[in-house]
Amino acid sequence: MALALFLAASGAPSFVAAAPIEGDTVVLQGLDKVTARVWTFEARIGEVVRFGTLEIHPRFCDRTPPEEAPESRAFLDIFEARAGEQKADLFHGWMFASSPALNALEHPVYDVWVLDCKRTKEAPPPATEPQPAR
């Protein structure tokens, strides 16, 4: 605490982490444990993607800016949707690309994890502050 006060009072530069970059598409990888096949697929935020009997609903994703350590994360809702049966809730939460086992989908047939978060649409231009008239 005393060091922080000293640095603030002495005018030492303070470092602020850059804001995460929000994406519109989550890059996922899935493993079918029965066939031992691995698929890489993309899911746009707000749209549903199917992987086997799973329905994956990506709600949000972001990644760190290039000047920081790489990390992508996504908030996913995952359901099992078999024909003729009611959907079963399997997973609701954050998945992190750098730590796939931290918050994993536990399913007897499928594994799903996040690889990346990316922006496929052009980002809107940054808002400029109005300049005073001269």
N, C-alpha and C. Protein backbone atom coordinates (compact mmCIF):
# COMPACT_ATOMS: atom_id res chain seq x y z
N MET A 1 0.83 -1.19 0.00
CA MET A 1 0.00 0.00 0.00
C MET A 1 0.86 1.24 0.00
N ALA A 2 1.91 1.25 0.85
CA ALA A 2 2.79 2.40 0.91
C ALA A 2 3.53 2.60 -0.41
N LEU A 3 3.92 1.49 -1.05
CA LEU A 3 4.61 1.59 -2.34
C LEU A 3 3.69 2.19 -3.39
N ALA A 4 2.43 1.79 -3.41
CA ALA A 4 1.48 2.33 -4.38
C ALA A 4 1.29 3.83 -4.18
N LEU A 5 1.19 4.26 -2.91
CA LEU A 5 1.05 5.69 -2.63
C LEU A 5 2.30 6.45 -3.05
N PHE A 6 3.48 5.87 -2.79
CA PHE A 6 4.73 6.52 -3.18
C PHE A 6 4.80 6.68 -4.69
N LEU A 7 4.47 5.61 -5.43
CA LEU A 7 4.53 5.69 -6.89
C LEU A 7 3.54 6.70 -7.44
N ALA A 8 2.34 6.74 -6.87
CA ALA A 8 1.34 7.69 -7.32
C ALA A 8 1.79 9.12 -7.05
N ALA A 9 2.36 9.36 -5.88
CA ALA A 9 2.80 10.70 -5.51
C ALA A 9 4.04 11.13 -6.30
N SER A 10 4.89 10.19 -6.68
CA SER A 10 6.14 10.54 -7.36
C SER A 10 5.95 10.76 -8.85
N GLY A 11 4.75 10.49 -9.36
CA GLY A 11 4.51 10.70 -10.78
C GLY A 11 5.03 9.55 -11.64
N ALA A 12 5.33 8.43 -11.04
CA ALA A 12 5.77 7.27 -11.82
C ALA A 12 4.64 6.84 -12.74
N PRO A 13 5.00 6.42 -13.94
CA PRO A 13 3.94 6.02 -14.87
C PRO A 13 3.17 4.82 -14.34
N SER A 14 1.88 4.84 -14.53
CA SER A 14 1.07 3.69 -14.15
C SER A 14 0.64 2.97 -15.42
N PHE A 15 0.56 1.67 -15.33
CA PHE A 15 0.21 0.86 -16.49
C PHE A 15 -1.21 0.36 -16.31
N VAL A 16 -2.00 0.57 -17.34
CA VAL A 16 -3.38 0.14 -17.33
C VAL A 16 -3.54 -0.91 -18.42
N ALA A 17 -4.15 -2.01 -18.08
CA ALA A 17 -4.36 -3.07 -19.07
C ALA A 17 -5.31 -2.58 -20.15
N ALA A 18 -5.01 -2.96 -21.38
CA ALA A 18 -5.86 -2.59 -22.50
C ALA A 18 -7.18 -3.36 -22.42
N ALA A 19 -8.20 -2.78 -22.95
CA ALA A 19 -9.52 -3.40 -22.93
C ALA A 19 -9.54 -4.63 -23.83
N PRO A 20 -10.28 -5.67 -23.44
CA PRO A 20 -10.39 -6.84 -24.30
C PRO A 20 -11.07 -6.49 -25.62
N ILE A 21 -10.81 -7.29 -26.63
CA ILE A 21 -11.39 -7.10 -27.95
C ILE A 21 -12.58 -8.05 -28.06
N GLU A 22 -13.76 -7.49 -28.20
CA GLU A 22 -14.98 -8.30 -28.30
C GLU A 22 -15.11 -8.87 -29.70
N GLY A 23 -15.46 -10.13 -29.77
CA GLY A 23 -15.62 -10.78 -31.07
C GLY A 23 -17.07 -11.10 -31.36
N ASP A 24 -17.31 -11.55 -32.59
CA ASP A 24 -18.66 -11.96 -32.97
C ASP A 24 -18.73 -13.43 -33.35
N THR A 25 -17.59 -14.14 -33.28
CA THR A 25 -17.56 -15.55 -33.64
C THR A 25 -16.61 -16.29 -32.70
N VAL A 26 -17.08 -17.42 -32.19
CA VAL A 26 -16.26 -18.28 -31.33
C VAL A 26 -15.75 -19.44 -32.19
N VAL A 27 -14.46 -19.70 -32.10
CA VAL A 27 -13.88 -20.86 -32.77
C VAL A 27 -13.81 -21.97 -31.72
N LEU A 28 -14.49 -23.06 -32.01
CA LEU A 28 -14.60 -24.18 -31.08
C LEU A 28 -13.96 -25.43 -31.67
N GLN A 29 -13.59 -26.33 -30.80
CA GLN A 29 -13.14 -27.64 -31.24
C GLN A 29 -13.92 -28.68 -30.46
N GLY A 30 -14.32 -29.72 -31.16
CA GLY A 30 -15.11 -30.76 -30.53
C GLY A 30 -14.51 -32.13 -30.80
N LEU A 31 -14.62 -33.00 -29.82
CA LEU A 31 -14.15 -34.37 -29.94
C LEU A 31 -15.34 -35.31 -29.78
N ASP A 32 -15.51 -36.20 -30.75
CA ASP A 32 -16.48 -37.28 -30.65
C ASP A 32 -15.71 -38.46 -30.09
N LYS A 33 -15.97 -38.84 -28.85
CA LYS A 33 -15.20 -39.89 -28.18
C LYS A 33 -15.46 -41.28 -28.75
N VAL A 34 -16.59 -41.45 -29.43
CA VAL A 34 -16.91 -42.76 -30.02
C VAL A 34 -16.07 -43.00 -31.27
N THR A 35 -15.99 -42.00 -32.15
CA THR A 35 -15.24 -42.15 -33.40
C THR A 35 -13.82 -41.64 -33.30
N ALA A 36 -13.48 -40.94 -32.21
CA ALA A 36 -12.15 -40.34 -32.00
C ALA A 36 -11.83 -39.28 -33.06
N ARG A 37 -12.86 -38.66 -33.59
CA ARG A 37 -12.65 -37.59 -34.57
C ARG A 37 -12.77 -36.24 -33.89
N VAL A 38 -11.93 -35.31 -34.37
CA VAL A 38 -11.91 -33.96 -33.84
C VAL A 38 -12.34 -33.00 -34.95
N TRP A 39 -13.27 -32.11 -34.62
CA TRP A 39 -13.75 -31.11 -35.56
C TRP A 39 -13.47 -29.72 -35.00
N THR A 40 -13.07 -28.82 -35.90
CA THR A 40 -12.96 -27.41 -35.57
C THR A 40 -14.08 -26.71 -36.31
N PHE A 41 -14.85 -25.90 -35.59
CA PHE A 41 -15.99 -25.22 -36.20
C PHE A 41 -16.18 -23.87 -35.55
N GLU A 42 -16.92 -23.01 -36.25
CA GLU A 42 -17.19 -21.66 -35.76
C GLU A 42 -18.65 -21.50 -35.41
N ALA A 43 -18.91 -20.66 -34.43
CA ALA A 43 -20.27 -20.37 -34.00
C ALA A 43 -20.39 -18.87 -33.79
N ARG A 44 -21.29 -18.25 -34.53
CA ARG A 44 -21.50 -16.81 -34.38
C ARG A 44 -22.31 -16.53 -33.11
N ILE A 45 -22.01 -15.43 -32.46
CA ILE A 45 -22.72 -15.03 -31.25
C ILE A 45 -24.20 -14.86 -31.58
N GLY A 46 -25.05 -15.47 -30.75
CA GLY A 46 -26.49 -15.36 -30.93
C GLY A 46 -27.09 -16.41 -31.85
N GLU A 47 -26.26 -17.21 -32.52
CA GLU A 47 -26.76 -18.26 -33.39
C GLU A 47 -26.46 -19.62 -32.77
N VAL A 48 -27.24 -20.62 -33.15
CA VAL A 48 -27.08 -21.96 -32.60
C VAL A 48 -26.29 -22.81 -33.59
N VAL A 49 -25.33 -23.56 -33.08
CA VAL A 49 -24.58 -24.50 -33.91
C VAL A 49 -24.75 -25.89 -33.30
N ARG A 50 -24.84 -26.89 -34.14
CA ARG A 50 -25.00 -28.27 -33.67
C ARG A 50 -23.70 -29.02 -33.83
N PHE A 51 -23.39 -29.82 -32.82
CA PHE A 51 -22.26 -30.73 -32.86
C PHE A 51 -22.76 -32.06 -32.31
N GLY A 52 -22.97 -33.02 -33.20
CA GLY A 52 -23.59 -34.28 -32.77
C GLY A 52 -24.97 -34.01 -32.24
N THR A 53 -25.25 -34.46 -31.02
CA THR A 53 -26.56 -34.20 -30.40
C THR A 53 -26.55 -32.92 -29.57
N LEU A 54 -25.44 -32.19 -29.59
CA LEU A 54 -25.32 -30.97 -28.79
C LEU A 54 -25.80 -29.75 -29.57
N GLU A 55 -26.46 -28.85 -28.87
CA GLU A 55 -26.79 -27.52 -29.38
C GLU A 55 -25.95 -26.53 -28.60
N ILE A 56 -25.13 -25.77 -29.29
CA ILE A 56 -24.24 -24.81 -28.64
C ILE A 56 -24.74 -23.41 -28.96
N HIS A 57 -25.00 -22.63 -27.89
CA HIS A 57 -25.48 -21.26 -28.01
C HIS A 57 -24.39 -20.32 -27.48
N PRO A 58 -23.56 -19.74 -28.35
CA PRO A 58 -22.56 -18.79 -27.86
C PRO A 58 -23.23 -17.45 -27.53
N ARG A 59 -22.96 -16.95 -26.34
CA ARG A 59 -23.58 -15.70 -25.88
C ARG A 59 -22.63 -14.51 -25.95
N PHE A 60 -21.33 -14.75 -25.74
CA PHE A 60 -20.35 -13.65 -25.70
C PHE A 60 -18.96 -14.24 -25.86
N CYS A 61 -18.07 -13.49 -26.51
CA CYS A 61 -16.66 -13.89 -26.52
C CYS A 61 -15.80 -12.64 -26.63
N ASP A 62 -14.60 -12.76 -26.08
CA ASP A 62 -13.60 -11.70 -26.25
C ASP A 62 -12.21 -12.31 -26.15
N ARG A 63 -11.23 -11.50 -26.50
CA ARG A 63 -9.83 -11.93 -26.42
C ARG A 63 -8.98 -10.75 -25.99
N THR A 64 -7.80 -11.07 -25.52
CA THR A 64 -6.91 -10.01 -25.07
C THR A 64 -6.31 -9.31 -26.29
N PRO A 65 -5.93 -8.05 -26.13
CA PRO A 65 -5.29 -7.33 -27.23
C PRO A 65 -3.91 -7.94 -27.53
N PRO A 66 -3.36 -7.66 -28.71
CA PRO A 66 -2.10 -8.29 -29.12
C PRO A 66 -0.90 -8.03 -28.19
N GLU A 67 -0.93 -6.92 -27.48
CA GLU A 67 0.21 -6.59 -26.62
C GLU A 67 0.20 -7.35 -25.29
N GLU A 68 -0.85 -8.10 -25.02
CA GLU A 68 -0.93 -8.88 -23.78
C GLU A 68 -0.82 -10.37 -24.07
N ALA A 69 -0.67 -11.15 -23.01
CA ALA A 69 -0.61 -12.61 -23.16
C ALA A 69 -1.90 -13.10 -23.82
N PRO A 70 -1.79 -14.03 -24.78
CA PRO A 70 -2.99 -14.45 -25.51
C PRO A 70 -3.98 -15.20 -24.62
N GLU A 71 -5.23 -14.80 -24.72
CA GLU A 71 -6.33 -15.47 -24.00
C GLU A 71 -7.63 -15.15 -24.71
N SER A 72 -8.40 -16.17 -24.97
CA SER A 72 -9.75 -16.01 -25.51
C SER A 72 -10.70 -16.69 -24.55
N ARG A 73 -11.88 -16.11 -24.41
CA ARG A 73 -12.88 -16.71 -23.53
C ARG A 73 -14.24 -16.54 -24.17
N ALA A 74 -15.14 -17.44 -23.83
CA ALA A 74 -16.49 -17.39 -24.38
C ALA A 74 -17.48 -17.86 -23.33
N PHE A 75 -18.64 -17.25 -23.33
CA PHE A 75 -19.75 -17.70 -22.49
C PHE A 75 -20.66 -18.52 -23.38
N LEU A 76 -20.87 -19.78 -23.00
CA LEU A 76 -21.64 -20.71 -23.81
C LEU A 76 -22.78 -21.34 -23.01
N ASP A 77 -23.87 -21.60 -23.70
CA ASP A 77 -24.95 -22.43 -23.18
C ASP A 77 -24.97 -23.66 -24.08
N ILE A 78 -24.90 -24.85 -23.48
CA ILE A 78 -24.87 -26.08 -24.26
C ILE A 78 -25.98 -27.00 -23.76
N PHE A 79 -26.75 -27.52 -24.71
CA PHE A 79 -27.86 -28.41 -24.42
C PHE A 79 -27.68 -29.70 -25.22
N GLU A 80 -28.25 -30.78 -24.70
CA GLU A 80 -28.33 -32.00 -25.50
C GLU A 80 -29.74 -32.05 -26.07
N ALA A 81 -29.83 -32.17 -27.40
CA ALA A 81 -31.12 -32.16 -28.08
C ALA A 81 -31.23 -33.40 -28.95
N ARG A 82 -31.84 -34.44 -28.40
CA ARG A 82 -32.07 -35.67 -29.14
C ARG A 82 -33.48 -35.66 -29.71
N ALA A 83 -33.63 -36.27 -30.86
CA ALA A 83 -34.94 -36.32 -31.52
C ALA A 83 -35.97 -37.00 -30.62
N GLY A 84 -37.11 -36.36 -30.47
CA GLY A 84 -38.20 -36.93 -29.68
C GLY A 84 -38.04 -36.78 -28.18
N GLU A 85 -37.01 -36.09 -27.73
CA GLU A 85 -36.81 -35.89 -26.29
C GLU A 85 -36.72 -34.40 -25.99
N GLN A 86 -36.97 -34.07 -24.75
CA GLN A 86 -36.84 -32.68 -24.31
C GLN A 86 -35.36 -32.34 -24.18
N LYS A 87 -35.00 -31.09 -24.48
CA LYS A 87 -33.61 -30.64 -24.34
C LYS A 87 -33.14 -30.80 -22.91
N ALA A 88 -31.90 -31.22 -22.76
CA ALA A 88 -31.30 -31.33 -21.43
C ALA A 88 -30.19 -30.30 -21.28
N ASP A 89 -30.22 -29.55 -20.17
CA ASP A 89 -29.15 -28.59 -19.87
C ASP A 89 -27.87 -29.34 -19.54
N LEU A 90 -26.78 -28.96 -20.20
CA LEU A 90 -25.49 -29.58 -19.92
C LEU A 90 -24.47 -28.60 -19.36
N PHE A 91 -24.46 -27.39 -19.89
CA PHE A 91 -23.39 -26.45 -19.51
C PHE A 91 -23.88 -25.03 -19.71
N HIS A 92 -23.58 -24.17 -18.75
CA HIS A 92 -23.82 -22.73 -18.86
C HIS A 92 -22.65 -22.05 -18.17
N GLY A 93 -21.81 -21.37 -18.93
CA GLY A 93 -20.70 -20.67 -18.29
C GLY A 93 -19.59 -20.30 -19.23
N TRP A 94 -18.49 -19.87 -18.62
CA TRP A 94 -17.31 -19.41 -19.35
C TRP A 94 -16.38 -20.57 -19.65
N MET A 95 -15.81 -20.54 -20.84
CA MET A 95 -14.72 -21.45 -21.22
C MET A 95 -13.55 -20.58 -21.64
N PHE A 96 -12.35 -21.00 -21.26
CA PHE A 96 -11.13 -20.25 -21.54
C PHE A 96 -10.22 -21.07 -22.45
N ALA A 97 -9.72 -20.45 -23.51
CA ALA A 97 -8.87 -21.16 -24.47
C ALA A 97 -7.58 -21.66 -23.83
N SER A 98 -7.01 -20.87 -22.94
CA SER A 98 -5.72 -21.25 -22.34
C SER A 98 -5.86 -22.33 -21.27
N SER A 99 -7.08 -22.56 -20.78
CA SER A 99 -7.31 -23.56 -19.72
C SER A 99 -8.57 -24.36 -20.04
N PRO A 100 -8.52 -25.23 -21.03
CA PRO A 100 -9.74 -25.95 -21.42
C PRO A 100 -10.31 -26.84 -20.32
N ALA A 101 -9.49 -27.30 -19.40
CA ALA A 101 -9.99 -28.18 -18.34
C ALA A 101 -10.56 -27.41 -17.16
N LEU A 102 -10.35 -26.10 -17.14
CA LEU A 102 -10.80 -25.29 -16.01
C LEU A 102 -12.31 -25.34 -15.84
N ASN A 103 -13.03 -25.21 -16.92
CA ASN A 103 -14.49 -25.20 -16.87
C ASN A 103 -14.98 -25.97 -18.09
N ALA A 104 -14.88 -27.27 -18.04
CA ALA A 104 -15.12 -28.11 -19.21
C ALA A 104 -16.54 -28.65 -19.25
N LEU A 105 -16.97 -28.98 -20.46
CA LEU A 105 -18.23 -29.69 -20.65
C LEU A 105 -17.98 -31.15 -20.29
N GLU A 106 -18.78 -31.68 -19.38
CA GLU A 106 -18.65 -33.08 -19.00
C GLU A 106 -19.78 -33.87 -19.66
N HIS A 107 -19.42 -34.67 -20.64
CA HIS A 107 -20.39 -35.44 -21.40
C HIS A 107 -19.76 -36.78 -21.76
N PRO A 108 -20.52 -37.87 -21.74
CA PRO A 108 -19.94 -39.19 -22.02
C PRO A 108 -19.48 -39.38 -23.46
N VAL A 109 -20.05 -38.61 -24.42
CA VAL A 109 -19.70 -38.82 -25.82
C VAL A 109 -18.88 -37.67 -26.41
N TYR A 110 -19.13 -36.43 -25.97
CA TYR A 110 -18.52 -35.27 -26.61
C TYR A 110 -17.70 -34.43 -25.64
N ASP A 111 -16.63 -33.88 -26.16
CA ASP A 111 -15.88 -32.81 -25.50
C ASP A 111 -15.94 -31.60 -26.41
N VAL A 112 -16.10 -30.41 -25.83
CA VAL A 112 -16.11 -29.16 -26.58
C VAL A 112 -15.25 -28.18 -25.82
N TRP A 113 -14.40 -27.45 -26.54
CA TRP A 113 -13.59 -26.42 -25.89
C TRP A 113 -13.38 -25.25 -26.84
N VAL A 114 -13.03 -24.10 -26.27
CA VAL A 114 -12.84 -22.85 -27.02
C VAL A 114 -11.40 -22.79 -27.50
N LEU A 115 -11.23 -22.41 -28.78
CA LEU A 115 -9.90 -22.16 -29.32
C LEU A 115 -9.60 -20.67 -29.45
N ASP A 116 -10.61 -19.91 -29.90
CA ASP A 116 -10.36 -18.50 -30.18
C ASP A 116 -11.68 -17.74 -30.23
N CYS A 117 -11.56 -16.44 -30.19
CA CYS A 117 -12.67 -15.52 -30.38
C CYS A 117 -12.21 -14.56 -31.46
N LYS A 118 -13.02 -14.37 -32.48
CA LYS A 118 -12.58 -13.47 -33.54
C LYS A 118 -13.72 -12.58 -34.00
N ARG A 119 -13.33 -11.53 -34.70
CA ARG A 119 -14.29 -10.59 -35.27
C ARG A 119 -14.30 -10.83 -36.77
N THR A 120 -15.47 -11.19 -37.29
CA THR A 120 -15.59 -11.43 -38.73
C THR A 120 -16.20 -10.23 -39.44
N LYS A 121 -16.91 -9.39 -38.69
CA LYS A 121 -17.49 -8.17 -39.27
C LYS A 121 -16.55 -7.02 -38.93
N GLU A 122 -16.60 -5.99 -39.74
CA GLU A 122 -15.80 -4.81 -39.46
C GLU A 122 -16.28 -4.15 -38.17
N ALA A 123 -15.35 -3.77 -37.35
CA ALA A 123 -15.69 -3.06 -36.12
C ALA A 123 -16.13 -1.65 -36.48
N PRO A 124 -17.10 -1.10 -35.75
CA PRO A 124 -17.51 0.27 -36.03
C PRO A 124 -16.35 1.22 -35.74
N PRO A 125 -16.25 2.29 -36.49
CA PRO A 125 -15.15 3.23 -36.23
C PRO A 125 -15.28 3.82 -34.84
N PRO A 126 -14.15 4.11 -34.19
CA PRO A 126 -14.23 4.67 -32.84
C PRO A 126 -14.89 6.04 -32.85
N ALA A 127 -15.67 6.28 -31.84
CA ALA A 127 -16.35 7.57 -31.73
C ALA A 127 -15.30 8.65 -31.45
N THR A 128 -15.42 9.73 -32.16
CA THR A 128 -14.48 10.83 -31.93
C THR A 128 -15.20 11.89 -31.09
N GLU A 129 -14.43 12.47 -30.24
CA GLU A 129 -15.01 13.52 -29.39
C GLU A 129 -15.14 14.80 -30.22
N PRO A 130 -16.24 15.50 -30.04
CA PRO A 130 -16.39 16.74 -30.80
C PRO A 130 -15.31 17.73 -30.44
N GLN A 131 -14.77 18.38 -31.44
CA GLN A 131 -13.73 19.37 -31.23
C GLN A 131 -14.36 20.75 -31.08
N PRO A 132 -13.83 21.56 -30.18
CA PRO A 132 -14.40 22.90 -30.01
C PRO A 132 -14.18 23.74 -31.27
N ALA A 133 -15.16 24.56 -31.58
CA ALA A 133 -15.05 25.47 -32.73
C ALA A 133 -14.01 26.51 -32.46
N ARG A 134 -13.24 26.85 -33.47
CA ARG A 134 -12.21 27.88 -33.29
C ARG A 134 -12.58 29.14 -33.97
